[in-house]
């Protein structure tokens, strides 16, 4: 650690003395500070809202289930959320630069280019979701013993209920690329409120199964809000959504039909 600090200090002195050109000096620029605060405060609040939407199930379900049943839920959830986590990582790194350099509202060519990227991304993620939804129960049986059998139903149900999120995954990046972080916060806050409400009502109505279904209903209710935000950026592609909604319904029906017995195990998991 000390050697690293000394190396950084030596590099600083070297660059300051021998690098040609204008020398940098500490300076406070009020306009830049105001811009950073205006942009950053909504990003910070969006991060808080996103954390609430993504982690509220651990808090509410963790207080509802026994420790062993909560462990079963976490095992299934970790496997089921892999496609969405992968998709979020890829879209953040790929689509924000594309939206910034080729805004869809500027030309039809930009919109068509984004449509091709969106179709490619959604097709790959839906294929991964379908594979996991079909084989999730089997994978749990391979990796864990019988005590964790109910995690298979969690994998299947959570996976298919995330398809609406997957379809709209590429839209919110347009808001960030345009710099309208306040709109992004409104979207994230709406998602968080709907998720918490759906989860709480679902748990009260139908236990763990109801809680998972409540989260799925919350994702469907958040979709119109996402579309309003996407339309402001002229990024919404109704043809894309219609095609993959149909494909998603087919995937959902197939996965549920082939894993019905695993899903029925979730109904037996109740409060601690």
C-alpha atoms as a PDB file:
ATOM      1  CA  UNK A   1       0.000   0.000   0.000  1.00  0.00           C
ATOM      2  CA  UNK A   2       2.819   2.405   0.905  1.00  0.00           C
ATOM      3  CA  UNK A   3       4.738   1.564  -2.282  1.00  0.00           C
ATOM      4  CA  UNK A   4       1.611   2.207  -4.350  1.00  0.00           C
ATOM      5  CA  UNK A   5       1.091   5.589  -2.703  1.00  0.00           C
ATOM      6  CA  UNK A   6       4.729   6.555  -3.284  1.00  0.00           C
ATOM      7  CA  UNK A   7       4.467   5.469  -6.911  1.00  0.00           C
ATOM      8  CA  UNK A   8       1.361   7.591  -7.452  1.00  0.00           C
ATOM      9  CA  UNK A   9       3.054  10.578  -5.816  1.00  0.00           C
ATOM     10  CA  UNK A  10       6.161  10.151  -7.979  1.00  0.00           C
ATOM     11  CA  UNK A  11       4.010   9.964 -11.096  1.00  0.00           C
ATOM     12  CA  UNK A  12       2.183  13.141 -10.072  1.00  0.00           C
ATOM     13  CA  UNK A  13       5.460  15.040  -9.589  1.00  0.00           C
ATOM     14  CA  UNK A  14       6.867  13.721 -12.867  1.00  0.00           C
ATOM     15  CA  UNK A  15       3.796  14.687 -14.901  1.00  0.00           C
ATOM     16  CA  UNK A  16       3.598  18.089 -13.275  1.00  0.00           C
ATOM     17  CA  UNK A  17       7.257  18.913 -14.003  1.00  0.00           C
ATOM     18  CA  UNK A  18       7.849  17.355 -17.412  1.00  0.00           C
ATOM     19  CA  UNK A  19       4.485  17.031 -19.190  1.00  0.00           C
ATOM     20  CA  UNK A  20       4.271  19.861 -21.756  1.00  0.00           C
ATOM     21  CA  UNK A  21       1.286  22.184 -21.988  1.00  0.00           C
ATOM     22  CA  UNK A  22      -0.906  24.060 -19.564  1.00  0.00           C
ATOM     23  CA  UNK A  23      -0.462  23.145 -15.894  1.00  0.00           C
ATOM     24  CA  UNK A  24      -3.598  22.141 -14.031  1.00  0.00           C
ATOM     25  CA  UNK A  25      -4.532  24.083 -10.916  1.00  0.00           C
ATOM     26  CA  UNK A  26      -7.270  23.430  -8.352  1.00  0.00           C
ATOM     27  CA  UNK A  27     -10.267  25.617  -9.212  1.00  0.00           C
ATOM     28  CA  UNK A  28     -13.931  25.656  -8.247  1.00  0.00           C
ATOM     29  CA  UNK A  29     -16.338  26.192 -11.124  1.00  0.00           C
ATOM     30  CA  UNK A  30     -19.853  27.042  -9.824  1.00  0.00           C
ATOM     31  CA  UNK A  31     -21.615  26.216 -13.099  1.00  0.00           C
ATOM     32  CA  UNK A  32     -20.053  22.758 -13.252  1.00  0.00           C
ATOM     33  CA  UNK A  33     -20.920  22.177  -9.598  1.00  0.00           C
ATOM     34  CA  UNK A  34     -24.558  23.114 -10.196  1.00  0.00           C
ATOM     35  CA  UNK A  35     -24.733  20.799 -13.195  1.00  0.00           C
ATOM     36  CA  UNK A  36     -23.252  17.902 -11.233  1.00  0.00           C
ATOM     37  CA  UNK A  37     -25.632  18.419  -8.331  1.00  0.00           C
ATOM     38  CA  UNK A  38     -28.668  18.770 -10.597  1.00  0.00           C
ATOM     39  CA  UNK A  39     -27.766  15.625 -12.522  1.00  0.00           C
ATOM     40  CA  UNK A  40     -26.389  13.622  -9.623  1.00  0.00           C
ATOM     41  CA  UNK A  41     -29.144  14.146  -7.069  1.00  0.00           C
ATOM     42  CA  UNK A  42     -31.698  12.363  -9.265  1.00  0.00           C
ATOM     43  CA  UNK A  43     -29.232   9.581  -9.975  1.00  0.00           C
ATOM     44  CA  UNK A  44     -28.714   9.150  -6.229  1.00  0.00           C
ATOM     45  CA  UNK A  45     -32.462   9.062  -5.562  1.00  0.00           C
ATOM     46  CA  UNK A  46     -32.938   6.678  -8.491  1.00  0.00           C
ATOM     47  CA  UNK A  47     -30.330   4.367  -6.989  1.00  0.00           C
ATOM     48  CA  UNK A  48     -32.203   4.390  -3.676  1.00  0.00           C
ATOM     49  CA  UNK A  49     -35.490   3.634  -5.445  1.00  0.00           C
ATOM     50  CA  UNK A  50     -33.850   0.901  -7.519  1.00  0.00           C
ATOM     51  CA  UNK A  51     -32.422  -0.674  -4.383  1.00  0.00           C
ATOM     52  CA  UNK A  52     -35.860  -0.605  -2.757  1.00  0.00           C
ATOM     53  CA  UNK A  53     -37.431  -2.248  -5.804  1.00  0.00           C
ATOM     54  CA  UNK A  54     -34.727  -4.898  -6.054  1.00  0.00           C
ATOM     55  CA  UNK A  55     -34.257  -5.724  -2.383  1.00  0.00           C
ATOM     56  CA  UNK A  56     -37.678  -5.206  -0.791  1.00  0.00           C
ATOM     57  CA  UNK A  57     -38.531  -8.870  -1.285  1.00  0.00           C
ATOM     58  CA  UNK A  58     -35.652  -9.905   0.994  1.00  0.00           C
ATOM     59  CA  UNK A  59     -36.960  -7.633   3.734  1.00  0.00           C
ATOM     60  CA  UNK A  60     -40.648  -8.520   3.492  1.00  0.00           C
ATOM     61  CA  UNK A  61     -40.333 -12.198   2.631  1.00  0.00           C
ATOM     62  CA  UNK A  62     -37.489 -12.591   5.135  1.00  0.00           C
ATOM     63  CA  UNK A  63     -39.810 -11.421   7.894  1.00  0.00           C
ATOM     64  CA  UNK A  64     -42.606 -13.672   6.674  1.00  0.00           C
ATOM     65  CA  UNK A  65     -40.860 -17.022   6.217  1.00  0.00           C
ATOM     66  CA  UNK A  66     -38.796 -19.222   8.470  1.00  0.00           C
ATOM     67  CA  UNK A  67     -35.037 -19.092   8.011  1.00  0.00           C
ATOM     68  CA  UNK A  68     -34.970 -22.402   6.117  1.00  0.00           C
ATOM     69  CA  UNK A  69     -37.789 -21.406   3.754  1.00  0.00           C
ATOM     70  CA  UNK A  70     -36.164 -18.033   3.185  1.00  0.00           C
ATOM     71  CA  UNK A  71     -32.974 -19.837   2.208  1.00  0.00           C
ATOM     72  CA  UNK A  72     -34.947 -21.885  -0.316  1.00  0.00           C
ATOM     73  CA  UNK A  73     -36.388 -18.682  -1.783  1.00  0.00           C
ATOM     74  CA  UNK A  74     -32.968 -17.047  -2.043  1.00  0.00           C
ATOM     75  CA  UNK A  75     -31.485 -20.043  -3.842  1.00  0.00           C
ATOM     76  CA  UNK A  76     -34.247 -19.977  -6.432  1.00  0.00           C
ATOM     77  CA  UNK A  77     -34.147 -16.202  -6.769  1.00  0.00           C
ATOM     78  CA  UNK A  78     -30.391 -16.115  -7.361  1.00  0.00           C
ATOM     79  CA  UNK A  79     -30.662 -18.527 -10.279  1.00  0.00           C
ATOM     80  CA  UNK A  80     -33.831 -16.966 -11.726  1.00  0.00           C
ATOM     81  CA  UNK A  81     -32.499 -13.404 -11.879  1.00  0.00           C
ATOM     82  CA  UNK A  82     -29.397 -14.283 -13.894  1.00  0.00           C
ATOM     83  CA  UNK A  83     -30.851 -13.346 -17.343  1.00  0.00           C
ATOM     84  CA  UNK A  84     -32.130  -9.982 -16.117  1.00  0.00           C
ATOM     85  CA  UNK A  85     -28.868  -9.148 -14.351  1.00  0.00           C
ATOM     86  CA  UNK A  86     -26.947 -10.018 -17.513  1.00  0.00           C
ATOM     87  CA  UNK A  87     -29.306  -7.946 -19.621  1.00  0.00           C
ATOM     88  CA  UNK A  88     -29.041  -4.917 -17.360  1.00  0.00           C
ATOM     89  CA  UNK A  89     -25.260  -5.044 -17.429  1.00  0.00           C
ATOM     90  CA  UNK A  90     -25.117  -5.338 -21.220  1.00  0.00           C
ATOM     91  CA  UNK A  91     -27.718  -2.659 -21.953  1.00  0.00           C
ATOM     92  CA  UNK A  92     -26.050  -0.151 -19.635  1.00  0.00           C
ATOM     93  CA  UNK A  93     -22.691  -0.571 -21.349  1.00  0.00           C
ATOM     94  CA  UNK A  94     -23.935  -0.821 -24.928  1.00  0.00           C
ATOM     95  CA  UNK A  95     -27.152   1.120 -25.312  1.00  0.00           C
ATOM     96  CA  UNK A  96     -26.376   4.332 -23.417  1.00  0.00           C
ATOM     97  CA  UNK A  97     -23.546   5.234 -25.869  1.00  0.00           C
ATOM     98  CA  UNK A  98     -25.788   4.261 -28.801  1.00  0.00           C
ATOM     99  CA  UNK A  99     -28.673   6.396 -27.529  1.00  0.00           C
ATOM    100  CA  UNK A 100     -26.288   9.291 -26.948  1.00  0.00           C
ATOM    101  CA  UNK A 101     -24.615   9.110 -30.363  1.00  0.00           C
ATOM    102  CA  UNK A 102     -27.706   8.098 -32.368  1.00  0.00           C
ATOM    103  CA  UNK A 103     -30.804   9.511 -30.630  1.00  0.00           C
ATOM    104  CA  UNK A 104     -33.940   7.851 -32.053  1.00  0.00           C
ATOM    105  CA  UNK A 105     -35.779  11.189 -32.311  1.00  0.00           C
ATOM    106  CA  UNK A 106     -33.221  12.594 -34.761  1.00  0.00           C
ATOM    107  CA  UNK A 107     -33.872  10.287 -37.699  1.00  0.00           C
ATOM    108  CA  UNK A 108     -35.631   7.145 -38.831  1.00  0.00           C
ATOM    109  CA  UNK A 109     -32.254   5.560 -39.527  1.00  0.00           C
ATOM    110  CA  UNK A 110     -31.289   5.949 -35.859  1.00  0.00           C
ATOM    111  CA  UNK A 111     -34.582   4.389 -34.769  1.00  0.00           C
ATOM    112  CA  UNK A 112     -34.110   1.420 -37.122  1.00  0.00           C
ATOM    113  CA  UNK A 113     -30.558   0.913 -35.891  1.00  0.00           C
ATOM    114  CA  UNK A 114     -31.787   0.815 -32.300  1.00  0.00           C
ATOM    115  CA  UNK A 115     -34.569  -1.565 -33.305  1.00  0.00           C
ATOM    116  CA  UNK A 116     -32.005  -4.034 -34.669  1.00  0.00           C
ATOM    117  CA  UNK A 117     -29.956  -3.858 -31.480  1.00  0.00           C
ATOM    118  CA  UNK A 118     -33.077  -4.170 -29.363  1.00  0.00           C
ATOM    119  CA  UNK A 119     -34.330  -7.197 -31.282  1.00  0.00           C
ATOM    120  CA  UNK A 120     -30.966  -8.893 -30.926  1.00  0.00           C
ATOM    121  CA  UNK A 121     -30.726  -8.199 -27.195  1.00  0.00           C
ATOM    122  CA  UNK A 122     -34.305  -9.199 -26.385  1.00  0.00           C
ATOM    123  CA  UNK A 123     -34.109 -12.368 -28.493  1.00  0.00           C
ATOM    124  CA  UNK A 124     -30.999 -13.549 -26.675  1.00  0.00           C
ATOM    125  CA  UNK A 125     -32.359 -12.752 -23.239  1.00  0.00           C
ATOM    126  CA  UNK A 126     -35.729 -14.359 -23.953  1.00  0.00           C
ATOM    127  CA  UNK A 127     -33.975 -17.508 -25.156  1.00  0.00           C
ATOM    128  CA  UNK A 128     -31.954 -17.623 -21.920  1.00  0.00           C
ATOM    129  CA  UNK A 129     -35.135 -17.013 -19.910  1.00  0.00           C
ATOM    130  CA  UNK A 130     -36.967 -19.806 -21.723  1.00  0.00           C
ATOM    131  CA  UNK A 131     -34.124 -22.253 -21.104  1.00  0.00           C
ATOM    132  CA  UNK A 132     -33.982 -21.378 -17.426  1.00  0.00           C
ATOM    133  CA  UNK A 133     -37.759 -21.506 -17.050  1.00  0.00           C
ATOM    134  CA  UNK A 134     -37.888 -24.942 -18.638  1.00  0.00           C
ATOM    135  CA  UNK A 135     -34.899 -26.434 -16.830  1.00  0.00           C
ATOM    136  CA  UNK A 136     -34.909 -24.491 -13.547  1.00  0.00           C
ATOM    137  CA  UNK A 137     -36.550 -27.234 -11.505  1.00  0.00           C
ATOM    138  CA  UNK A 138     -34.231 -29.840 -13.027  1.00  0.00           C
ATOM    139  CA  UNK A 139     -31.159 -27.710 -12.265  1.00  0.00           C
ATOM    140  CA  UNK A 140     -32.187 -27.357  -8.617  1.00  0.00           C
ATOM    141  CA  UNK A 141     -32.586 -31.141  -8.421  1.00  0.00           C
ATOM    142  CA  UNK A 142     -29.074 -31.592  -9.813  1.00  0.00           C
ATOM    143  CA  UNK A 143     -27.362 -29.005  -7.597  1.00  0.00           C
ATOM    144  CA  UNK A 144     -29.195 -29.448  -4.280  1.00  0.00           C
ATOM    145  CA  UNK A 145     -30.717 -32.217  -2.216  1.00  0.00           C
ATOM    146  CA  UNK A 146     -34.401 -32.754  -1.484  1.00  0.00           C
ATOM    147  CA  UNK A 147     -34.557 -30.138   1.274  1.00  0.00           C
ATOM    148  CA  UNK A 148     -34.341 -27.434  -1.388  1.00  0.00           C
ATOM    149  CA  UNK A 149     -36.758 -28.940  -3.905  1.00  0.00           C
ATOM    150  CA  UNK A 150     -39.198 -26.024  -3.586  1.00  0.00           C
ATOM    151  CA  UNK A 151     -36.519 -23.690  -4.969  1.00  0.00           C
ATOM    152  CA  UNK A 152     -37.251 -25.189  -8.390  1.00  0.00           C
ATOM    153  CA  UNK A 153     -40.710 -23.650  -8.368  1.00  0.00           C
ATOM    154  CA  UNK A 154     -39.218 -20.308  -7.352  1.00  0.00           C
ATOM    155  CA  UNK A 155     -36.825 -20.432 -10.309  1.00  0.00           C
ATOM    156  CA  UNK A 156     -39.583 -21.202 -12.810  1.00  0.00           C
ATOM    157  CA  UNK A 157     -42.121 -18.670 -11.528  1.00  0.00           C
ATOM    158  CA  UNK A 158     -39.718 -15.778 -10.955  1.00  0.00           C
ATOM    159  CA  UNK A 159     -38.104 -16.376 -14.353  1.00  0.00           C
ATOM    160  CA  UNK A 160     -41.314 -16.161 -16.369  1.00  0.00           C
ATOM    161  CA  UNK A 161     -42.668 -13.230 -14.350  1.00  0.00           C
ATOM    162  CA  UNK A 162     -39.593 -11.224 -15.325  1.00  0.00           C
ATOM    163  CA  UNK A 163     -40.432 -11.381 -19.033  1.00  0.00           C
ATOM    164  CA  UNK A 164     -42.270  -7.998 -18.971  1.00  0.00           C
ATOM    165  CA  UNK A 165     -39.139  -6.451 -17.448  1.00  0.00           C
ATOM    166  CA  UNK A 166     -37.015  -8.074 -20.120  1.00  0.00           C
ATOM    167  CA  UNK A 167     -39.191  -6.661 -22.931  1.00  0.00           C
ATOM    168  CA  UNK A 168     -38.823  -3.100 -21.642  1.00  0.00           C
ATOM    169  CA  UNK A 169     -35.235  -3.440 -20.550  1.00  0.00           C
ATOM    170  CA  UNK A 170     -33.808  -1.280 -23.330  1.00  0.00           C
ATOM    171  CA  UNK A 171     -36.033   1.775 -22.878  1.00  0.00           C
ATOM    172  CA  UNK A 172     -34.954   3.406 -19.629  1.00  0.00           C
ATOM    173  CA  UNK A 173     -31.394   3.803 -20.923  1.00  0.00           C
ATOM    174  CA  UNK A 174     -32.717   6.385 -23.399  1.00  0.00           C
ATOM    175  CA  UNK A 175     -33.701   8.627 -20.482  1.00  0.00           C
ATOM    176  CA  UNK A 176     -30.246   8.432 -18.939  1.00  0.00           C
ATOM    177  CA  UNK A 177     -28.559   9.080 -22.275  1.00  0.00           C
ATOM    178  CA  UNK A 178     -30.628  12.242 -22.780  1.00  0.00           C
ATOM    179  CA  UNK A 179     -29.723  13.522 -19.308  1.00  0.00           C
ATOM    180  CA  UNK A 180     -33.324  13.648 -18.047  1.00  0.00           C
ATOM    181  CA  UNK A 181     -32.473  12.001 -14.763  1.00  0.00           C
ATOM    182  CA  UNK A 182     -35.575  13.367 -13.043  1.00  0.00           C
ATOM    183  CA  UNK A 183     -37.763  11.286 -15.376  1.00  0.00           C
ATOM    184  CA  UNK A 184     -35.590   8.266 -14.655  1.00  0.00           C
ATOM    185  CA  UNK A 185     -36.122   8.790 -10.931  1.00  0.00           C
ATOM    186  CA  UNK A 186     -39.893   9.013 -11.443  1.00  0.00           C
ATOM    187  CA  UNK A 187     -39.777   5.688 -13.274  1.00  0.00           C
ATOM    188  CA  UNK A 188     -37.670   3.996 -10.604  1.00  0.00           C
ATOM    189  CA  UNK A 189     -39.776   5.385  -7.758  1.00  0.00           C
ATOM    190  CA  UNK A 190     -42.953   4.129  -9.430  1.00  0.00           C
ATOM    191  CA  UNK A 191     -41.442   0.694  -9.866  1.00  0.00           C
ATOM    192  CA  UNK A 192     -40.365   0.599  -6.228  1.00  0.00           C
ATOM    193  CA  UNK A 193     -43.789   1.642  -4.930  1.00  0.00           C
ATOM    194  CA  UNK A 194     -45.609  -0.888  -7.103  1.00  0.00           C
ATOM    195  CA  UNK A 195     -43.186  -3.683  -6.211  1.00  0.00           C
ATOM    196  CA  UNK A 196     -43.467  -3.124  -2.471  1.00  0.00           C
ATOM    197  CA  UNK A 197     -47.262  -2.842  -2.641  1.00  0.00           C
ATOM    198  CA  UNK A 198     -47.634  -5.923  -4.851  1.00  0.00           C
ATOM    199  CA  UNK A 199     -45.310  -7.950  -2.674  1.00  0.00           C
ATOM    200  CA  UNK A 200     -46.984  -6.962   0.595  1.00  0.00           C
ATOM    201  CA  UNK A 201     -50.515  -7.568  -0.712  1.00  0.00           C
ATOM    202  CA  UNK A 202     -49.473 -10.842  -2.326  1.00  0.00           C
ATOM    203  CA  UNK A 203     -47.916 -12.160   0.867  1.00  0.00           C
ATOM    204  CA  UNK A 204     -51.018 -11.260   2.852  1.00  0.00           C
ATOM    205  CA  UNK A 205     -53.262 -12.910   0.270  1.00  0.00           C
ATOM    206  CA  UNK A 206     -51.394 -16.053  -0.738  1.00  0.00           C
ATOM    207  CA  UNK A 207     -48.162 -16.553   1.166  1.00  0.00           C
ATOM    208  CA  UNK A 208     -44.917 -16.971  -0.745  1.00  0.00           C
ATOM    209  CA  UNK A 209     -46.722 -17.885  -3.968  1.00  0.00           C
ATOM    210  CA  UNK A 210     -48.883 -14.780  -3.659  1.00  0.00           C
ATOM    211  CA  UNK A 211     -45.865 -12.607  -2.924  1.00  0.00           C
ATOM    212  CA  UNK A 212     -44.059 -13.741  -6.068  1.00  0.00           C
ATOM    213  CA  UNK A 213     -47.201 -13.271  -8.160  1.00  0.00           C
ATOM    214  CA  UNK A 214     -47.680  -9.830  -6.616  1.00  0.00           C
ATOM    215  CA  UNK A 215     -44.246  -8.804  -7.839  1.00  0.00           C
ATOM    216  CA  UNK A 216     -45.153 -10.019 -11.310  1.00  0.00           C
ATOM    217  CA  UNK A 217     -48.352  -7.953 -11.313  1.00  0.00           C
ATOM    218  CA  UNK A 218     -46.318  -4.932 -10.194  1.00  0.00           C
ATOM    219  CA  UNK A 219     -44.031  -5.346 -13.220  1.00  0.00           C
ATOM    220  CA  UNK A 220     -47.042  -5.362 -15.532  1.00  0.00           C
ATOM    221  CA  UNK A 221     -48.469  -2.234 -13.902  1.00  0.00           C
ATOM    222  CA  UNK A 222     -45.112  -0.464 -14.265  1.00  0.00           C
ATOM    223  CA  UNK A 223     -45.018  -1.118 -18.009  1.00  0.00           C
ATOM    224  CA  UNK A 224     -47.354   1.784 -19.002  1.00  0.00           C
ATOM    225  CA  UNK A 225     -45.206   4.190 -16.967  1.00  0.00           C
ATOM    226  CA  UNK A 226     -42.120   2.945 -18.800  1.00  0.00           C
ATOM    227  CA  UNK A 227     -43.856   3.515 -22.137  1.00  0.00           C
ATOM    228  CA  UNK A 228     -44.760   7.099 -21.222  1.00  0.00           C
ATOM    229  CA  UNK A 229     -41.103   7.786 -20.426  1.00  0.00           C
ATOM    230  CA  UNK A 230     -39.873   6.004 -23.575  1.00  0.00           C
ATOM    231  CA  UNK A 231     -42.293   7.895 -25.817  1.00  0.00           C
ATOM    232  CA  UNK A 232     -40.941  11.208 -24.586  1.00  0.00           C
ATOM    233  CA  UNK A 233     -37.576  10.112 -25.962  1.00  0.00           C
ATOM    234  CA  UNK A 234     -39.244   8.648 -29.080  1.00  0.00           C
ATOM    235  CA  UNK A 235     -37.604   5.343 -28.203  1.00  0.00           C
ATOM    236  CA  UNK A 236     -40.739   3.202 -27.826  1.00  0.00           C
ATOM    237  CA  UNK A 237     -41.023   0.413 -30.402  1.00  0.00           C
ATOM    238  CA  UNK A 238     -44.563  -1.063 -30.228  1.00  0.00           C
ATOM    239  CA  UNK A 239     -43.788  -3.694 -32.882  1.00  0.00           C
ATOM    240  CA  UNK A 240     -40.900  -5.006 -30.780  1.00  0.00           C
ATOM    241  CA  UNK A 241     -43.072  -5.156 -27.676  1.00  0.00           C
ATOM    242  CA  UNK A 242     -45.977  -6.851 -29.449  1.00  0.00           C
ATOM    243  CA  UNK A 243     -43.789  -9.555 -31.009  1.00  0.00           C
ATOM    244  CA  UNK A 244     -42.001 -10.377 -27.776  1.00  0.00           C
ATOM    245  CA  UNK A 245     -45.164 -10.164 -25.681  1.00  0.00           C
ATOM    246  CA  UNK A 246     -46.592 -12.943 -27.838  1.00  0.00           C
ATOM    247  CA  UNK A 247     -43.381 -14.939 -27.609  1.00  0.00           C
ATOM    248  CA  UNK A 248     -43.250 -14.316 -23.865  1.00  0.00           C
ATOM    249  CA  UNK A 249     -46.797 -15.618 -23.374  1.00  0.00           C
ATOM    250  CA  UNK A 250     -45.879 -18.778 -25.266  1.00  0.00           C
ATOM    251  CA  UNK A 251     -42.720 -19.254 -23.168  1.00  0.00           C
ATOM    252  CA  UNK A 252     -44.666 -18.628 -19.948  1.00  0.00           C
ATOM    253  CA  UNK A 253     -47.418 -21.112 -20.787  1.00  0.00           C
ATOM    254  CA  UNK A 254     -44.893 -23.788 -21.777  1.00  0.00           C
ATOM    255  CA  UNK A 255     -42.718 -23.339 -18.687  1.00  0.00           C
ATOM    256  CA  UNK A 256     -45.678 -23.381 -16.304  1.00  0.00           C
ATOM    257  CA  UNK A 257     -47.249 -26.430 -17.942  1.00  0.00           C
ATOM    258  CA  UNK A 258     -44.019 -28.413 -17.837  1.00  0.00           C
ATOM    259  CA  UNK A 259     -43.231 -27.510 -14.222  1.00  0.00           C
ATOM    260  CA  UNK A 260     -46.693 -27.443 -12.661  1.00  0.00           C
ATOM    261  CA  UNK A 261     -45.843 -29.917  -9.899  1.00  0.00           C
ATOM    262  CA  UNK A 262     -42.855 -27.777  -8.850  1.00  0.00           C
ATOM    263  CA  UNK A 263     -45.060 -24.689  -8.673  1.00  0.00           C
ATOM    264  CA  UNK A 264     -47.575 -26.466  -6.453  1.00  0.00           C
ATOM    265  CA  UNK A 265     -44.856 -26.937  -3.858  1.00  0.00           C
ATOM    266  CA  UNK A 266     -44.750 -23.176  -3.356  1.00  0.00           C
ATOM    267  CA  UNK A 267     -48.315 -23.171  -2.073  1.00  0.00           C
ATOM    268  CA  UNK A 268     -47.222 -25.247   0.926  1.00  0.00           C
ATOM    269  CA  UNK A 269     -44.705 -22.634   2.087  1.00  0.00           C
ATOM    270  CA  UNK A 270     -46.342 -20.423   4.689  1.00  0.00           C
ATOM    271  CA  UNK A 271     -45.389 -17.998   7.444  1.00  0.00           C
ATOM    272  CA  UNK A 272     -42.835 -18.905  10.030  1.00  0.00           C
END
